C-alpha atoms as a PDB file:
ATOM      1  CA  MET A   1      98.298 119.420 132.888  1.00  0.00           C
ATOM      2  CA  LYS A   2     100.129 116.112 133.087  1.00  0.00           C
ATOM      3  CA  LYS A   3     103.830 115.855 132.278  1.00  0.00           C
ATOM      4  CA  HIS A   4     103.070 113.570 129.336  1.00  0.00           C
ATOM      5  CA  ASP A   5     100.809 116.218 127.761  1.00  0.00           C
ATOM      6  CA  THR A   6     103.512 118.830 128.279  1.00  0.00           C
ATOM      7  CA  LEU A   7     105.975 116.624 126.399  1.00  0.00           C
ATOM      8  CA  VAL A   8     103.543 116.208 123.503  1.00  0.00           C
ATOM      9  CA  LEU A   9     102.993 119.971 123.348  1.00  0.00           C
ATOM     10  CA  GLU A  10     106.763 120.491 123.276  1.00  0.00           C
ATOM     11  CA  LYS A  11     107.071 118.054 120.361  1.00  0.00           C
ATOM     12  CA  ILE A  12     104.322 119.868 118.472  1.00  0.00           C
ATOM     13  CA  LEU A  13     106.061 123.173 119.125  1.00  0.00           C
ATOM     14  CA  GLU A  14     109.310 121.731 117.738  1.00  0.00           C
ATOM     15  CA  ARG A  15     107.462 120.671 114.563  1.00  0.00           C
ATOM     16  CA  ILE A  16     105.907 124.116 114.248  1.00  0.00           C
ATOM     17  CA  ASN A  17     109.345 125.706 114.524  1.00  0.00           C
ATOM     18  CA  SER A  18     110.608 123.410 111.761  1.00  0.00           C
ATOM     19  CA  LEU A  19     107.647 124.301 109.579  1.00  0.00           C
ATOM     20  CA  GLN A  20     108.267 128.002 110.067  1.00  0.00           C
ATOM     21  CA  GLU A  21     111.955 127.542 109.257  1.00  0.00           C
ATOM     22  CA  PHE A  22     111.002 125.888 105.967  1.00  0.00           C
ATOM     23  CA  THR A  23     108.866 128.843 104.923  1.00  0.00           C
ATOM     24  CA  VAL A  24     110.867 131.752 106.323  1.00  0.00           C
ATOM     25  CA  GLY A  25     111.796 134.192 103.589  1.00  0.00           C
ATOM     26  CA  MET A  26     108.980 133.127 101.324  1.00  0.00           C
ATOM     27  CA  GLY A  27     107.387 136.438 100.574  1.00  0.00           C
ATOM     28  CA  SER A  28     104.398 135.145  98.706  1.00  0.00           C
ATOM     29  CA  ILE A  29     102.262 132.161  98.004  1.00  0.00           C
ATOM     30  CA  ASP A  30     103.892 131.953  94.568  1.00  0.00           C
ATOM     31  CA  ASP A  31     107.265 131.347  96.224  1.00  0.00           C
ATOM     32  CA  PHE A  32     105.726 128.497  98.201  1.00  0.00           C
ATOM     33  CA  LEU A  33     103.834 126.979  95.275  1.00  0.00           C
ATOM     34  CA  SER A  34     106.924 126.942  93.071  1.00  0.00           C
ATOM     35  CA  ASP A  35     109.059 125.131  95.669  1.00  0.00           C
ATOM     36  CA  GLU A  36     108.200 121.418  95.588  1.00  0.00           C
ATOM     37  CA  LYS A  37     110.636 120.521  98.350  1.00  0.00           C
ATOM     38  CA  THR A  38     109.165 123.064 100.770  1.00  0.00           C
ATOM     39  CA  LYS A  39     105.580 122.153  99.888  1.00  0.00           C
ATOM     40  CA  ASN A  40     106.207 118.467 100.486  1.00  0.00           C
ATOM     41  CA  ALA A  41     108.280 119.002 103.640  1.00  0.00           C
ATOM     42  CA  SER A  42     105.601 121.305 105.047  1.00  0.00           C
ATOM     43  CA  ALA A  43     102.883 118.766 104.323  1.00  0.00           C
ATOM     44  CA  MET A  44     104.856 116.041 106.097  1.00  0.00           C
ATOM     45  CA  VAL A  45     105.394 118.211 109.174  1.00  0.00           C
ATOM     46  CA  LEU A  46     101.664 118.945 109.332  1.00  0.00           C
ATOM     47  CA  ILE A  47     100.987 115.205 109.134  1.00  0.00           C
ATOM     48  CA  ARG A  48     103.386 114.627 112.019  1.00  0.00           C
ATOM     49  CA  ILE A  49     101.689 117.348 114.078  1.00  0.00           C
ATOM     50  CA  GLY A  50      98.307 115.715 113.443  1.00  0.00           C
ATOM     51  CA  GLU A  51      99.664 112.335 114.461  1.00  0.00           C
ATOM     52  CA  LEU A  52     101.000 113.747 117.711  1.00  0.00           C
ATOM     53  CA  THR A  53      97.479 114.776 118.733  1.00  0.00           C
ATOM     54  CA  ARG A  54      96.694 111.087 119.319  1.00  0.00           C
ATOM     55  CA  HIS A  55      99.285 110.944 122.087  1.00  0.00           C
ATOM     56  CA  PHE A  56      97.583 113.291 124.522  1.00  0.00           C
ATOM     57  CA  THR A  57      95.992 111.827 127.635  1.00  0.00           C
ATOM     58  CA  PRO A  58      92.210 111.406 127.570  1.00  0.00           C
ATOM     59  CA  GLU A  59      91.904 114.195 130.150  1.00  0.00           C
ATOM     60  CA  PHE A  60      93.729 116.624 127.868  1.00  0.00           C
ATOM     61  CA  GLN A  61      91.768 115.512 124.815  1.00  0.00           C
ATOM     62  CA  ASN A  62      88.445 115.967 126.603  1.00  0.00           C
ATOM     63  CA  ASN A  63      89.298 119.537 127.633  1.00  0.00           C
ATOM     64  CA  ALA A  64      91.709 120.469 124.876  1.00  0.00           C
ATOM     65  CA  PRO A  65      92.616 124.155 124.826  1.00  0.00           C
ATOM     66  CA  ILE A  66      93.912 123.705 121.263  1.00  0.00           C
ATOM     67  CA  PRO A  67      91.936 122.577 118.174  1.00  0.00           C
ATOM     68  CA  LEU A  68      92.817 118.870 118.232  1.00  0.00           C
ATOM     69  CA  SER A  69      89.984 117.817 115.919  1.00  0.00           C
ATOM     70  CA  LYS A  70      91.044 120.354 113.271  1.00  0.00           C
ATOM     71  CA  MET A  71      94.663 119.244 113.590  1.00  0.00           C
ATOM     72  CA  LYS A  72      93.649 115.601 113.118  1.00  0.00           C
ATOM     73  CA  ALA A  73      91.381 116.495 110.196  1.00  0.00           C
ATOM     74  CA  LEU A  74      94.189 118.377 108.457  1.00  0.00           C
ATOM     75  CA  ARG A  75      96.486 115.401 108.941  1.00  0.00           C
ATOM     76  CA  ASN A  76      93.900 113.101 107.370  1.00  0.00           C
ATOM     77  CA  GLU A  77      93.276 115.446 104.453  1.00  0.00           C
ATOM     78  CA  ILE A  78      96.990 115.723 103.656  1.00  0.00           C
ATOM     79  CA  ALA A  79      97.659 112.009 104.083  1.00  0.00           C
ATOM     80  CA  HIS A  80      94.807 110.998 101.804  1.00  0.00           C
ATOM     81  CA  LYS A  81      95.284 113.653  99.113  1.00  0.00           C
ATOM     82  CA  TYR A  82      99.008 113.353  98.708  1.00  0.00           C
ATOM     83  CA  ASP A  83      98.495 112.018  95.174  1.00  0.00           C
ATOM     84  CA  GLY A  84      98.533 115.498  93.683  1.00  0.00           C
ATOM     85  CA  SER A  85      95.073 116.680  94.640  1.00  0.00           C
ATOM     86  CA  LEU A  86      96.163 118.431  97.830  1.00  0.00           C
ATOM     87  CA  ASP A  87      95.214 122.111  97.933  1.00  0.00           C
ATOM     88  CA  PHE A  88      98.565 123.779  98.586  1.00  0.00           C
ATOM     89  CA  VAL A  89      96.981 127.235  98.562  1.00  0.00           C
ATOM     90  CA  SER A  90      94.908 126.203 101.565  1.00  0.00           C
ATOM     91  CA  LEU A  91      98.007 124.681 103.139  1.00  0.00           C
ATOM     92  CA  TRP A  92      99.890 127.970 102.699  1.00  0.00           C
ATOM     93  CA  ASN A  93      97.023 129.873 104.320  1.00  0.00           C
ATOM     94  CA  THR A  94      97.075 127.450 107.258  1.00  0.00           C
ATOM     95  CA  ILE A  95     100.835 127.864 107.648  1.00  0.00           C
ATOM     96  CA  GLN A  96     100.552 131.643 107.556  1.00  0.00           C
ATOM     97  CA  LYS A  97      97.487 132.127 109.768  1.00  0.00           C
ATOM     98  CA  SER A  98      96.567 129.106 111.875  1.00  0.00           C
ATOM     99  CA  ILE A  99     100.043 127.824 112.692  1.00  0.00           C
ATOM    100  CA  PRO A 100     101.216 131.085 114.339  1.00  0.00           C
ATOM    101  CA  GLU A 101      98.001 131.139 116.382  1.00  0.00           C
ATOM    102  CA  LEU A 102      98.561 127.527 117.434  1.00  0.00           C
ATOM    103  CA  LYS A 103     102.184 128.251 118.300  1.00  0.00           C
ATOM    104  CA  SER A 104     101.160 131.165 120.473  1.00  0.00           C
ATOM    105  CA  LYS A 105      98.528 129.100 122.303  1.00  0.00           C
ATOM    106  CA  ILE A 106     100.975 126.226 122.922  1.00  0.00           C
ATOM    107  CA  ALA A 107     103.670 128.618 124.153  1.00  0.00           C
ATOM    108  CA  GLU A 108     101.107 130.122 126.543  1.00  0.00           C
ATOM    109  CA  LEU A 109     100.164 126.673 127.858  1.00  0.00           C
ATOM    110  CA  LEU A 110     103.796 125.679 128.331  1.00  0.00           C
ATOM    111  CA  ALA A 111     104.599 128.936 130.116  1.00  0.00           C
ATOM    112  CA  ARG A 112     102.041 128.012 132.791  1.00  0.00           C
ATOM    113  CA  GLN A 113     103.891 124.798 133.589  1.00  0.00           C
END
């Protein structure tokens, strides 16, 4: 993996850590749904993660060991539904299930460097 791709992965990992800090201590989806600041901050971090996927080298993108297309699609969904129609239940599920999986995969990739 090229150094540039490593740097992008590190930036994504930093964003994931921020996202997890925002939601730590939230015991339920109701806690998340009732906290406008956390919902909006989380959505913005997920947008930033999706935007970072554009910065990988073509070689990394062509053989991506992480779900770049899903990350980009989530970014687009959030960015275009930020008018109140965004499904925050789905966002919570992503934060709770997919983000830890992504974090683990990125940490594994970085450990090989």
